[in-house]
């Protein structure tokens, strides 16, 4: 199960994720939340992965779809606090560093948008 809390800080939409990104209906909420905020004109997104315990290839697909939705609207999507286990999956799928920029802290990620 995945829970998502979204908030805004310094003009950046931050999605605090907790649980598993496994490609199921809960995982699709990531892309839906981004699309909802894109419709409001928001262009900067951070996925806070600090509490994501598990990610599989279907979950990686959800993240790619979320990234593509943002890119189509000329928006940016970055990752923060990715655990070692999740990093391994994302690297295996060729998503880090080729697709996603990864930061250690939310503050560093927010600064990277300026």
N, C-alpha and C. Protein backbone atom coordinates (compact mmCIF):
# COMPACT_ATOMS: atom_id res chain seq x y z
N UNK A 1 0.83 -1.18 0.00
CA UNK A 1 0.00 0.00 0.00
C UNK A 1 0.88 1.24 0.00
N UNK A 2 0.43 2.26 -0.72
CA UNK A 2 1.16 3.51 -0.83
C UNK A 2 0.26 4.64 -0.36
N UNK A 3 0.83 5.52 0.47
CA UNK A 3 0.11 6.73 0.85
C UNK A 3 0.87 7.92 0.31
N UNK A 4 0.12 8.95 -0.06
CA UNK A 4 0.70 10.16 -0.64
C UNK A 4 0.12 11.37 0.09
N UNK A 5 1.01 12.24 0.54
CA UNK A 5 0.59 13.53 1.09
C UNK A 5 1.27 14.58 0.22
N UNK A 6 0.49 15.50 -0.34
CA UNK A 6 1.13 16.53 -1.16
C UNK A 6 1.03 17.88 -0.46
N UNK A 7 2.09 18.65 -0.66
CA UNK A 7 2.19 19.98 -0.06
C UNK A 7 3.01 20.85 -1.00
N UNK A 8 3.01 22.14 -0.73
CA UNK A 8 3.78 23.05 -1.57
C UNK A 8 4.75 23.83 -0.70
N UNK A 9 5.98 23.96 -1.21
CA UNK A 9 7.01 24.70 -0.49
C UNK A 9 7.85 25.47 -1.50
N UNK A 10 7.88 26.78 -1.38
CA UNK A 10 8.67 27.60 -2.29
C UNK A 10 8.27 27.44 -3.75
N UNK A 11 6.98 27.23 -4.01
CA UNK A 11 6.49 27.07 -5.38
C UNK A 11 6.70 25.68 -5.95
N UNK A 12 7.19 24.74 -5.13
CA UNK A 12 7.45 23.37 -5.56
C UNK A 12 6.42 22.44 -4.90
N UNK A 13 5.81 21.58 -5.69
CA UNK A 13 4.87 20.59 -5.16
C UNK A 13 5.69 19.39 -4.70
N UNK A 14 5.52 19.04 -3.42
CA UNK A 14 6.25 17.92 -2.84
C UNK A 14 5.25 16.81 -2.54
N UNK A 15 5.52 15.64 -3.07
CA UNK A 15 4.70 14.47 -2.77
C UNK A 15 5.47 13.59 -1.81
N UNK A 16 5.01 13.53 -0.55
CA UNK A 16 5.62 12.67 0.45
C UNK A 16 5.01 11.29 0.30
N UNK A 17 5.82 10.33 -0.12
CA UNK A 17 5.36 8.98 -0.39
C UNK A 17 5.76 8.05 0.75
N UNK A 18 4.87 7.11 1.07
CA UNK A 18 5.16 6.15 2.13
C UNK A 18 4.56 4.80 1.75
N UNK A 19 5.38 3.75 1.84
CA UNK A 19 4.90 2.41 1.55
C UNK A 19 5.58 1.80 0.35
N UNK A 20 4.78 1.19 -0.54
CA UNK A 20 5.31 0.48 -1.70
C UNK A 20 4.77 1.09 -3.00
N UNK A 21 5.65 1.20 -3.98
CA UNK A 21 5.22 1.61 -5.32
C UNK A 21 5.29 0.34 -6.16
N UNK A 22 4.13 -0.26 -6.38
CA UNK A 22 4.10 -1.58 -7.02
C UNK A 22 3.27 -1.63 -8.30
N UNK A 23 2.86 -0.46 -8.78
CA UNK A 23 2.10 -0.43 -10.02
C UNK A 23 0.61 -0.61 -9.84
N UNK A 24 0.16 -0.83 -8.60
CA UNK A 24 -1.27 -1.00 -8.34
C UNK A 24 -2.01 0.33 -8.32
N UNK A 25 -3.31 0.29 -8.00
CA UNK A 25 -4.13 1.51 -8.00
C UNK A 25 -3.59 2.61 -7.09
N UNK A 26 -3.01 2.24 -5.93
CA UNK A 26 -2.45 3.26 -5.05
C UNK A 26 -1.29 3.98 -5.74
N UNK A 27 -0.47 3.24 -6.48
CA UNK A 27 0.68 3.83 -7.16
C UNK A 27 0.26 4.83 -8.23
N UNK A 28 -0.87 4.57 -8.86
CA UNK A 28 -1.35 5.48 -9.91
C UNK A 28 -1.72 6.86 -9.36
N UNK A 29 -1.90 6.94 -8.03
CA UNK A 29 -2.21 8.23 -7.41
C UNK A 29 -1.07 9.23 -7.59
N UNK A 30 0.15 8.72 -7.77
CA UNK A 30 1.30 9.62 -8.00
C UNK A 30 1.04 10.42 -9.27
N UNK A 31 0.79 9.74 -10.36
CA UNK A 31 0.56 10.41 -11.64
C UNK A 31 -0.70 11.27 -11.58
N UNK A 32 -1.75 10.79 -10.93
CA UNK A 32 -2.98 11.56 -10.84
C UNK A 32 -2.77 12.86 -10.06
N UNK A 33 -1.98 12.80 -8.99
CA UNK A 33 -1.70 14.00 -8.20
C UNK A 33 -0.89 15.00 -9.02
N UNK A 34 0.08 14.51 -9.78
CA UNK A 34 0.88 15.39 -10.63
C UNK A 34 -0.01 16.02 -11.71
N UNK A 35 -0.86 15.23 -12.35
CA UNK A 35 -1.75 15.77 -13.38
C UNK A 35 -2.69 16.83 -12.82
N UNK A 36 -3.20 16.59 -11.61
CA UNK A 36 -4.09 17.56 -10.96
C UNK A 36 -3.35 18.89 -10.75
N UNK A 37 -2.11 18.82 -10.32
CA UNK A 37 -1.33 20.03 -10.09
C UNK A 37 -0.85 20.67 -11.38
N UNK A 38 -0.59 19.87 -12.41
CA UNK A 38 -0.25 20.44 -13.73
C UNK A 38 -1.41 21.28 -14.25
N UNK A 39 -2.63 20.81 -14.02
CA UNK A 39 -3.81 21.54 -14.46
C UNK A 39 -3.92 22.90 -13.76
N UNK A 40 -3.30 23.02 -12.59
CA UNK A 40 -3.28 24.28 -11.85
C UNK A 40 -2.09 25.15 -12.24
N UNK A 41 -1.28 24.65 -13.21
CA UNK A 41 -0.14 25.43 -13.68
C UNK A 41 1.16 25.20 -12.92
N UNK A 42 1.19 24.22 -12.04
CA UNK A 42 2.41 23.95 -11.27
C UNK A 42 3.43 23.23 -12.17
N UNK A 43 4.70 23.64 -12.07
CA UNK A 43 5.73 23.12 -12.98
C UNK A 43 6.90 22.41 -12.30
N UNK A 44 6.96 22.44 -10.96
CA UNK A 44 8.10 21.86 -10.25
C UNK A 44 7.60 20.84 -9.23
N UNK A 45 8.16 19.61 -9.32
CA UNK A 45 7.70 18.50 -8.48
C UNK A 45 8.86 17.76 -7.86
N UNK A 46 8.65 17.35 -6.61
CA UNK A 46 9.60 16.50 -5.90
C UNK A 46 8.84 15.30 -5.36
N UNK A 47 9.39 14.12 -5.60
CA UNK A 47 8.87 12.91 -4.96
C UNK A 47 9.80 12.62 -3.79
N UNK A 48 9.28 12.78 -2.58
CA UNK A 48 10.05 12.47 -1.38
C UNK A 48 9.91 10.98 -1.12
N UNK A 49 10.99 10.24 -1.37
CA UNK A 49 10.98 8.78 -1.34
C UNK A 49 11.49 8.21 -0.01
N UNK A 50 11.67 9.05 0.98
CA UNK A 50 12.28 8.64 2.25
C UNK A 50 11.59 7.42 2.88
N UNK A 51 10.27 7.34 2.77
CA UNK A 51 9.55 6.25 3.42
C UNK A 51 9.02 5.21 2.43
N UNK A 52 9.59 5.19 1.22
CA UNK A 52 9.21 4.15 0.25
C UNK A 52 10.08 2.93 0.53
N UNK A 53 9.44 1.86 0.96
CA UNK A 53 10.17 0.64 1.35
C UNK A 53 10.43 -0.28 0.17
N UNK A 54 9.61 -0.19 -0.87
CA UNK A 54 9.71 -1.16 -1.95
C UNK A 54 9.25 -0.53 -3.25
N UNK A 55 9.92 -0.89 -4.31
CA UNK A 55 9.55 -0.46 -5.66
C UNK A 55 9.85 -1.63 -6.58
N UNK A 56 8.89 -2.01 -7.42
CA UNK A 56 9.16 -3.06 -8.41
C UNK A 56 9.13 -2.44 -9.81
N UNK A 57 9.29 -3.25 -10.83
CA UNK A 57 9.36 -2.72 -12.19
C UNK A 57 8.05 -2.06 -12.62
N UNK A 58 6.91 -2.58 -12.13
CA UNK A 58 5.64 -1.92 -12.45
C UNK A 58 5.57 -0.54 -11.80
N UNK A 59 6.07 -0.45 -10.59
CA UNK A 59 6.15 0.85 -9.91
C UNK A 59 7.07 1.81 -10.64
N UNK A 60 8.18 1.28 -11.15
CA UNK A 60 9.09 2.11 -11.95
C UNK A 60 8.36 2.64 -13.18
N UNK A 61 7.49 1.80 -13.76
CA UNK A 61 6.68 2.24 -14.90
C UNK A 61 5.75 3.39 -14.54
N UNK A 62 5.18 3.34 -13.34
CA UNK A 62 4.33 4.43 -12.86
C UNK A 62 5.15 5.71 -12.74
N UNK A 63 6.36 5.58 -12.24
CA UNK A 63 7.22 6.76 -12.10
C UNK A 63 7.60 7.33 -13.46
N UNK A 64 7.86 6.46 -14.43
CA UNK A 64 8.16 6.93 -15.78
C UNK A 64 6.96 7.66 -16.36
N UNK A 65 5.77 7.12 -16.18
CA UNK A 65 4.56 7.77 -16.68
C UNK A 65 4.36 9.13 -16.02
N UNK A 66 4.65 9.23 -14.74
CA UNK A 66 4.54 10.50 -14.02
C UNK A 66 5.54 11.51 -14.57
N UNK A 67 6.76 11.04 -14.81
CA UNK A 67 7.80 11.88 -15.39
C UNK A 67 7.38 12.37 -16.77
N UNK A 68 6.84 11.48 -17.58
CA UNK A 68 6.40 11.84 -18.94
C UNK A 68 5.26 12.86 -18.90
N UNK A 69 4.33 12.69 -17.97
CA UNK A 69 3.23 13.66 -17.83
C UNK A 69 3.79 15.04 -17.53
N UNK A 70 4.76 15.11 -16.63
CA UNK A 70 5.37 16.39 -16.28
C UNK A 70 6.10 16.98 -17.48
N UNK A 71 6.92 16.18 -18.15
CA UNK A 71 7.70 16.67 -19.29
C UNK A 71 6.82 17.21 -20.41
N UNK A 72 5.69 16.53 -20.66
CA UNK A 72 4.77 17.00 -21.71
C UNK A 72 4.28 18.42 -21.45
N UNK A 73 4.23 18.80 -20.18
CA UNK A 73 3.76 20.13 -19.80
C UNK A 73 4.92 21.05 -19.46
N UNK A 74 6.14 20.68 -19.89
CA UNK A 74 7.35 21.45 -19.63
C UNK A 74 7.59 21.65 -18.14
N UNK A 75 7.30 20.61 -17.36
CA UNK A 75 7.52 20.64 -15.91
C UNK A 75 8.67 19.70 -15.55
N UNK A 76 9.16 19.82 -14.33
CA UNK A 76 10.28 19.00 -13.86
C UNK A 76 9.86 18.16 -12.67
N UNK A 77 10.40 16.94 -12.62
CA UNK A 77 10.13 16.00 -11.54
C UNK A 77 11.45 15.44 -11.04
N UNK A 78 11.71 15.63 -9.74
CA UNK A 78 12.97 15.19 -9.14
C UNK A 78 12.68 14.31 -7.93
N UNK A 79 13.67 13.51 -7.54
CA UNK A 79 13.53 12.60 -6.42
C UNK A 79 14.40 13.03 -5.25
N UNK A 80 13.90 12.75 -4.04
CA UNK A 80 14.64 13.08 -2.81
C UNK A 80 14.63 11.88 -1.88
N UNK A 81 15.74 11.70 -1.18
CA UNK A 81 15.85 10.70 -0.11
C UNK A 81 15.47 9.29 -0.57
N UNK A 82 16.07 8.86 -1.67
CA UNK A 82 15.78 7.53 -2.20
C UNK A 82 16.58 6.50 -1.40
N UNK A 83 15.89 5.49 -0.89
CA UNK A 83 16.56 4.46 -0.10
C UNK A 83 17.47 3.61 -1.00
N UNK A 84 18.39 2.92 -0.38
CA UNK A 84 19.34 2.09 -1.13
C UNK A 84 18.62 1.01 -1.94
N UNK A 85 17.62 0.39 -1.33
CA UNK A 85 16.87 -0.68 -2.00
C UNK A 85 16.16 -0.15 -3.25
N UNK A 86 15.52 1.02 -3.14
CA UNK A 86 14.80 1.62 -4.27
C UNK A 86 15.80 2.12 -5.32
N UNK A 87 16.91 2.67 -4.87
CA UNK A 87 17.95 3.13 -5.80
C UNK A 87 18.42 1.98 -6.68
N UNK A 88 18.60 0.82 -6.09
CA UNK A 88 19.05 -0.35 -6.84
C UNK A 88 18.08 -0.67 -7.97
N UNK A 89 16.79 -0.66 -7.69
CA UNK A 89 15.79 -0.95 -8.72
C UNK A 89 15.81 0.13 -9.80
N UNK A 90 15.86 1.39 -9.39
CA UNK A 90 15.84 2.48 -10.37
C UNK A 90 17.09 2.47 -11.25
N UNK A 91 18.24 2.12 -10.68
CA UNK A 91 19.46 2.02 -11.48
C UNK A 91 19.37 0.84 -12.44
N UNK A 92 18.84 -0.28 -11.97
CA UNK A 92 18.69 -1.46 -12.82
C UNK A 92 17.79 -1.16 -14.01
N UNK A 93 16.75 -0.36 -13.78
CA UNK A 93 15.82 0.03 -14.85
C UNK A 93 16.38 1.16 -15.72
N UNK A 94 17.56 1.66 -15.39
CA UNK A 94 18.17 2.73 -16.18
C UNK A 94 17.55 4.10 -15.94
N UNK A 95 16.96 4.30 -14.77
CA UNK A 95 16.27 5.57 -14.50
C UNK A 95 17.10 6.55 -13.67
N UNK A 96 18.12 6.04 -12.99
CA UNK A 96 19.04 6.91 -12.24
C UNK A 96 20.43 6.66 -12.80
N UNK A 97 21.15 7.65 -13.23
CA UNK A 97 20.83 9.07 -13.28
C UNK A 97 20.28 9.52 -14.64
N UNK A 98 20.00 8.60 -15.53
CA UNK A 98 19.62 8.95 -16.90
C UNK A 98 18.32 9.74 -16.99
N UNK A 99 17.33 9.43 -16.15
CA UNK A 99 16.04 10.10 -16.23
C UNK A 99 15.82 11.02 -15.03
N UNK A 100 15.97 10.48 -13.85
CA UNK A 100 15.65 11.24 -12.64
C UNK A 100 16.89 11.85 -12.00
N UNK A 101 16.77 13.12 -11.61
CA UNK A 101 17.77 13.76 -10.76
C UNK A 101 17.42 13.38 -9.33
N UNK A 102 18.43 13.02 -8.54
CA UNK A 102 18.22 12.60 -7.16
C UNK A 102 18.98 13.52 -6.22
N UNK A 103 18.31 13.93 -5.14
CA UNK A 103 18.90 14.82 -4.14
C UNK A 103 18.77 14.20 -2.76
N UNK A 104 19.70 14.57 -1.89
CA UNK A 104 19.69 14.05 -0.52
C UNK A 104 18.63 14.72 0.34
N UNK A 105 18.38 16.02 0.10
CA UNK A 105 17.44 16.75 0.94
C UNK A 105 16.43 17.51 0.09
N UNK A 106 15.29 17.78 0.69
CA UNK A 106 14.25 18.56 0.02
C UNK A 106 14.78 19.96 -0.27
N UNK A 107 15.53 20.53 0.66
CA UNK A 107 16.08 21.87 0.47
C UNK A 107 16.97 21.94 -0.76
N UNK A 108 17.85 20.93 -0.93
CA UNK A 108 18.74 20.90 -2.10
C UNK A 108 17.94 20.77 -3.39
N UNK A 109 16.91 19.93 -3.36
CA UNK A 109 16.08 19.75 -4.55
C UNK A 109 15.34 21.03 -4.91
N UNK A 110 14.80 21.72 -3.90
CA UNK A 110 14.09 22.98 -4.16
C UNK A 110 15.04 24.00 -4.77
N UNK A 111 16.25 24.11 -4.23
CA UNK A 111 17.25 25.05 -4.77
C UNK A 111 17.59 24.73 -6.23
N UNK A 112 17.53 23.45 -6.60
CA UNK A 112 17.91 23.05 -7.96
C UNK A 112 16.94 23.56 -9.02
N UNK A 113 15.75 23.96 -8.62
CA UNK A 113 14.77 24.48 -9.57
C UNK A 113 15.06 25.93 -9.97
N UNK A 114 15.88 26.65 -9.16
CA UNK A 114 16.13 28.06 -9.49
C UNK A 114 17.21 28.25 -10.53
